[in-house]
Protein backbone atom coordinates (compact mmCIF):
# COMPACT_ATOMS: atom_id res chain seq x y z
CA MET A 1 23.68 1.62 -27.04
CA SER A 2 22.67 -1.23 -24.73
CA GLU A 3 23.99 -1.78 -21.22
CA GLU A 4 25.61 -5.00 -22.38
CA SER A 5 27.64 -3.37 -25.18
CA SER A 6 28.54 -0.11 -23.42
CA THR A 7 31.57 0.34 -21.19
CA THR A 8 29.67 2.98 -19.22
CA THR A 9 26.32 1.73 -17.98
CA TRP A 10 23.74 2.80 -15.42
CA SER A 11 25.81 1.03 -12.73
CA THR A 12 29.18 2.61 -13.53
CA GLY A 13 28.38 6.02 -15.00
CA ALA A 14 28.40 9.31 -13.13
CA GLY A 15 24.59 9.34 -13.04
CA VAL A 16 24.23 6.05 -11.21
CA VAL A 17 22.46 7.61 -8.21
CA ASP A 18 19.90 9.45 -10.34
CA SER A 19 19.41 6.42 -12.56
CA VAL A 20 18.75 4.07 -9.66
CA ALA A 21 16.66 6.65 -7.79
CA GLY A 22 14.36 7.06 -10.79
CA PHE A 23 14.08 3.31 -11.21
CA VAL A 24 13.28 2.73 -7.53
CA ASP A 25 10.81 5.62 -7.35
CA THR A 26 8.93 4.26 -10.36
CA LEU A 27 8.63 0.78 -8.85
CA THR A 28 7.56 2.22 -5.49
CA ALA A 29 4.89 4.40 -7.08
CA GLU A 30 3.56 1.41 -9.01
CA SER A 31 3.40 -0.54 -5.74
CA GLU A 32 1.51 2.23 -3.97
CA GLY A 33 -1.09 2.10 -6.73
CA GLU A 34 -1.83 -1.60 -6.18
CA GLY A 35 -4.22 -0.76 -3.36
CA VAL A 36 -6.71 0.95 -5.67
CA ASP A 37 -7.70 -2.31 -7.34
CA VAL A 38 -7.61 -4.47 -4.22
CA ILE A 39 -8.88 -2.29 -1.35
CA ASP A 40 -10.21 0.75 -3.26
CA ALA A 41 -7.50 3.03 -1.87
CA ALA A 42 -3.87 3.81 -2.69
CA LEU A 43 -1.22 2.69 -0.26
CA GLY A 44 1.27 5.15 1.24
CA ALA A 45 4.92 4.08 1.32
CA ALA A 46 6.21 6.76 3.69
CA GLY A 47 6.70 5.29 7.14
CA VAL A 48 4.66 2.19 6.43
CA VAL A 49 4.14 0.11 9.56
CA VAL A 50 2.18 -3.04 8.98
CA ASP A 51 -0.69 -3.61 11.38
CA VAL A 52 -3.71 -5.86 11.37
CA VAL A 53 -7.08 -5.69 13.07
CA GLY A 54 -8.38 -8.69 14.92
CA VAL A 55 -5.79 -11.25 13.83
CA MET A 56 -7.03 -13.75 16.37
CA ALA A 57 -10.64 -12.57 16.45
CA ASN A 58 -13.44 -14.58 14.93
CA PRO A 59 -16.36 -12.44 13.77
CA LEU A 60 -18.48 -15.59 13.56
CA GLY A 61 -18.24 -15.99 17.32
CA ALA A 62 -21.15 -13.56 17.67
CA VAL A 63 -23.45 -16.18 16.15
CA ALA A 64 -22.94 -18.71 18.93
CA SER A 65 -22.86 -16.11 21.70
CA ALA A 66 -26.20 -14.73 20.51
CA GLY A 67 -27.82 -18.13 20.97
CA VAL A 68 -28.53 -18.73 17.29
CA GLY A 69 -25.96 -21.45 16.67
CA TRP A 70 -28.17 -22.96 13.96
CA LEU A 71 -27.19 -19.99 11.78
CA LEU A 72 -23.50 -20.90 11.89
CA GLU A 73 -23.71 -23.83 9.48
CA HIS A 74 -25.01 -21.46 6.81
CA VAL A 75 -22.24 -18.86 7.14
CA ASP A 76 -19.20 -20.58 8.66
CA PHE A 77 -17.42 -20.78 5.27
CA LEU A 78 -16.80 -17.03 5.56
CA ARG A 79 -14.02 -17.82 8.02
CA GLU A 80 -11.91 -19.31 5.20
CA PRO A 81 -10.89 -16.02 3.51
CA LEU A 82 -9.85 -14.59 6.86
CA ASP A 83 -7.60 -17.58 7.46
CA ALA A 84 -6.17 -17.19 3.96
CA LEU A 85 -5.21 -13.60 4.77
CA LEU A 86 -3.39 -14.35 8.01
CA GLY A 87 0.05 -12.79 8.11
CA ASN A 88 2.77 -11.97 10.59
CA PRO A 89 2.92 -8.17 11.02
CA ASP A 90 5.81 -8.38 13.50
CA GLU A 91 7.94 -10.36 11.05
CA ILE A 92 7.10 -8.01 8.18
CA ASN A 93 8.03 -4.95 10.24
CA ALA A 94 11.24 -6.58 11.48
CA ASN A 95 12.36 -7.45 7.95
CA THR A 96 11.49 -3.96 6.74
CA ASP A 97 13.51 -2.37 9.55
CA GLN A 98 16.46 -4.61 8.77
CA LEU A 99 16.45 -3.52 5.13
CA LYS A 100 16.18 0.14 6.13
CA GLN A 101 19.12 -0.21 8.51
CA ALA A 102 21.23 -1.81 5.77
CA ALA A 103 20.26 1.04 3.42
CA ALA A 104 21.30 3.61 6.01
CA GLU A 105 24.67 1.88 6.42
CA MET A 106 25.32 2.02 2.66
CA LYS A 107 24.53 5.73 2.60
CA THR A 108 26.80 6.32 5.57
CA ILE A 109 29.64 4.53 3.78
CA ALA A 110 29.01 6.68 0.70
CA GLN A 111 29.24 9.89 2.74
CA GLU A 112 32.35 8.69 4.56
CA HIS A 113 34.07 8.11 1.22
CA ARG A 114 33.16 11.61 0.11
CA ASP A 115 34.48 13.05 3.36
CA ASP A 116 37.72 11.07 3.02
CA MET A 117 38.31 12.54 -0.41
CA GLY A 118 39.04 15.86 1.27
CA GLY A 119 42.29 14.36 2.50
CA ALA A 120 43.47 13.96 -1.09
CA ALA A 121 42.81 17.58 -2.04
CA GLY A 122 46.52 18.22 -2.47
CA TRP A 123 47.03 15.38 -4.90
CA GLU A 124 47.26 17.10 -8.27
CA GLY A 125 47.68 15.87 -11.81
CA ASP A 126 45.95 13.17 -13.82
CA SER A 127 46.47 10.48 -11.18
CA GLY A 128 44.86 12.64 -8.50
CA ASP A 129 41.94 13.51 -10.76
CA ALA A 130 41.47 9.85 -11.64
CA PHE A 131 41.56 8.86 -7.99
CA ARG A 132 38.94 11.43 -7.00
CA LYS A 133 36.74 10.48 -9.94
CA GLN A 134 36.87 6.81 -8.99
CA MET A 135 36.19 7.51 -5.32
CA GLU A 136 33.25 9.76 -6.15
CA GLN A 137 31.93 7.04 -8.43
CA MET A 138 32.29 4.47 -5.66
CA SER A 139 30.44 6.77 -3.26
CA GLY A 140 27.65 7.09 -5.80
CA GLU A 141 27.36 3.35 -6.20
CA TYR A 142 27.19 2.82 -2.44
CA GLU A 143 24.47 5.45 -2.28
CA ALA A 144 22.64 3.78 -5.16
CA LEU A 145 22.91 0.45 -3.36
CA GLY A 146 21.33 2.06 -0.31
CA LYS A 147 18.55 3.43 -2.49
CA THR A 148 17.74 -0.02 -3.88
CA MET A 149 17.58 -1.36 -0.31
CA ASP A 150 15.25 1.48 0.67
CA GLY A 151 13.07 0.66 -2.32
CA THR A 152 13.00 -3.03 -1.46
CA ALA A 153 12.02 -2.20 2.13
CA ALA A 154 9.21 0.07 0.94
CA ILE A 155 7.80 -2.41 -1.57
CA TYR A 156 8.07 -5.32 0.86
CA ALA A 157 6.24 -3.29 3.52
CA LEU A 158 3.59 -2.21 1.01
CA SER A 159 2.92 -5.82 0.02
CA GLY A 160 2.48 -6.78 3.67
CA ALA A 161 0.30 -3.75 4.33
CA LEU A 162 -1.93 -4.63 1.40
CA VAL A 163 -2.57 -8.12 2.75
CA CYS A 164 -3.31 -6.81 6.23
CA GLU A 165 -5.50 -3.97 4.96
CA LEU A 166 -7.55 -6.39 2.88
CA ARG A 167 -7.92 -8.69 5.86
CA SER A 168 -9.15 -5.77 7.94
CA GLN A 169 -11.60 -4.87 5.20
CA VAL A 170 -12.85 -8.44 4.88
CA PHE A 171 -13.14 -8.68 8.65
CA GLY A 172 -15.34 -5.58 8.60
CA TRP A 173 -17.56 -6.91 5.83
CA ILE A 174 -18.07 -10.20 7.63
CA SER A 175 -18.67 -8.52 10.97
CA ASP A 176 -21.30 -6.22 9.46
CA LEU A 177 -23.07 -9.12 7.77
CA ILE A 178 -23.01 -11.26 10.90
CA GLY A 179 -24.43 -8.39 12.94
CA GLU A 180 -27.27 -8.04 10.44
CA LEU A 181 -27.92 -11.79 10.26
CA VAL A 182 -27.83 -12.30 14.02
CA ALA A 183 -30.48 -9.61 14.46
CA GLY A 184 -32.65 -11.26 11.83
CA ALA A 185 -32.01 -14.73 13.27
CA LEU A 186 -33.20 -13.60 16.69
CA ILE A 187 -36.43 -12.36 15.14
CA ALA A 188 -36.82 -15.61 13.19
CA ALA A 189 -36.21 -17.63 16.35
CA ALA A 190 -38.79 -15.60 18.25
CA SER A 191 -41.34 -16.28 15.51
CA ALA A 192 -40.54 -19.98 15.31
CA VAL A 193 -43.34 -21.08 17.59
CA VAL A 194 -45.97 -19.18 15.62
CA THR A 195 -44.62 -20.30 12.25
CA VAL A 196 -43.89 -23.85 13.37
CA GLY A 197 -40.24 -23.39 12.57
CA GLY A 198 -40.91 -21.93 9.13
CA SER A 199 -39.37 -18.58 10.02
CA ILE A 200 -36.06 -20.21 10.90
CA ALA A 201 -35.95 -22.26 7.70
CA ALA A 202 -36.77 -19.22 5.59
CA PHE A 203 -34.20 -17.04 7.29
CA ALA A 204 -31.53 -19.74 7.10
CA GLY A 205 -31.97 -19.78 3.32
CA TYR A 206 -31.76 -16.00 3.16
CA ALA A 207 -28.63 -16.02 5.33
CA GLY A 208 -26.98 -18.59 3.10
CA VAL A 209 -27.60 -16.47 0.00
CA ARG A 210 -26.29 -13.31 1.68
CA ALA A 211 -23.18 -15.13 2.88
CA ALA A 212 -22.55 -16.65 -0.56
CA THR A 213 -22.86 -13.22 -2.18
CA LEU A 214 -20.29 -11.80 0.21
CA ALA A 215 -18.02 -14.80 -0.33
CA THR A 216 -18.07 -14.12 -4.08
CA LYS A 217 -17.13 -10.49 -3.48
CA ILE A 218 -14.27 -11.54 -1.20
CA ALA A 219 -13.05 -14.15 -3.70
CA THR A 220 -12.80 -11.44 -6.36
CA ARG A 221 -10.64 -9.33 -4.05
CA LEU A 222 -8.45 -12.32 -3.20
CA SER A 223 -7.88 -12.95 -6.89
CA LYS A 224 -6.86 -9.32 -7.37
CA LEU A 225 -4.58 -9.59 -4.34
CA ALA A 226 -2.86 -12.66 -5.81
CA SER A 227 -2.18 -10.76 -9.03
CA ALA A 228 -0.85 -7.80 -7.06
CA MET A 229 1.44 -10.07 -5.04
CA ALA A 230 2.89 -11.46 -8.26
CA ARG A 231 3.64 -7.93 -9.43
CA PHE A 232 5.19 -7.05 -6.06
CA GLY A 233 7.42 -10.09 -6.40
CA GLY A 234 8.47 -9.05 -9.89
CA ARG A 235 9.45 -5.58 -8.68
CA MET A 236 11.50 -6.92 -5.80
CA ALA A 237 13.24 -9.31 -8.20
CA LYS A 238 14.21 -6.33 -10.38
CA LEU A 239 15.60 -4.52 -7.34
CA ALA A 240 17.53 -7.61 -6.28
CA GLU A 241 19.07 -7.72 -9.76
CA LYS A 242 20.12 -4.07 -9.45
CA MET A 243 21.64 -4.74 -6.03
CA GLU A 244 23.56 -7.73 -7.33
CA THR A 245 24.98 -5.69 -10.22
CA LEU A 246 25.98 -2.85 -7.90
CA VAL A 247 27.66 -5.20 -5.44
CA GLU A 248 29.59 -6.89 -8.24
CA GLY A 249 30.60 -3.51 -9.62
CA LEU A 250 31.88 -2.27 -6.28
CA GLY A 251 34.34 -5.16 -6.27
CA ARG A 252 36.35 -3.53 -9.03
CA PHE A 253 37.38 -0.71 -6.68
CA ALA A 254 39.22 -2.93 -4.23
CA GLU A 255 42.39 -3.33 -6.28
CA TYR A 256 42.26 0.13 -7.80
CA GLY A 257 41.78 1.80 -4.44
CA GLY A 258 44.79 0.01 -2.99
CA TYR A 259 47.08 1.02 -5.86
CA ALA A 260 45.81 4.60 -5.87
CA LYS A 261 46.37 5.07 -2.15
CA THR A 262 49.90 3.64 -2.41
CA ALA A 263 50.73 6.06 -5.22
CA TYR A 264 49.30 8.99 -3.29
CA ASP A 265 51.26 8.14 -0.15
CA ALA A 266 54.46 7.93 -2.25
CA VAL A 267 53.92 11.38 -3.77
CA MET A 268 52.91 13.23 -0.62
CA PRO A 269 56.39 13.55 1.02
CA TYR A 270 57.57 15.65 -1.90
CA ASP A 271 56.71 19.24 -2.71
CA VAL A 272 55.50 18.63 -6.22
CA SER A 273 54.91 22.31 -6.92
CA ALA A 274 58.52 23.13 -5.96
CA VAL A 275 59.89 20.48 -8.31
CA LYS A 276 57.77 21.86 -11.13
CA GLY A 277 59.03 25.38 -10.38
């Protein structure tokens, strides 16, 4: 039976917490696996804090400082992928923390509802059973809502971490290449007098080929990153849909809860067991 045609769905049934937890865990695990294709390593969702190495640094600066500025025109295009991978780690972490705080609040509300149910322990009969069932269901849906927020926070943080990790990796590749090319350029420059400038021309061509090869490698990773970002977006959209459904569902308790509490308060002054006896 489909969710659309059933009166008891994942969002209203007794197993809502388990249903949502399984859904969120699956999406989170899929997100952790995105790193394998992009940065050759899985990402870890637990306690993710987005960081980035050398956001403002320019690995090409070593070329000018080494006194071989002529090399720069053959490799300066390598700066472009670094610029494309610029992010805002502080903003990512702040948004992640905000989602986690909201998730914690939902879980607190769920527990408070369960604790409050103890006050209705003396309410017997069908109406009391119905009230407790509804309140337990509401607690479950608040908890499920918190779980979707936790999942959104984790996936959002993972997407940001993937961008920053790739940037760090690209930064390292470029830095290593520049270090190698600067050393070679210094040798070529030292030989320029003997070779009448031929050593510089030859090395400039070699440097251009090496830089182009690295640029192709980086472009492949950027393409994989773009595909991963699209999948991240799709997962967060699914979680947003779950949250929207849960929020809409929780609205149905407002009227019921008010009527149920009024009925309970009306019954409490009487010793029901004595009347039955």
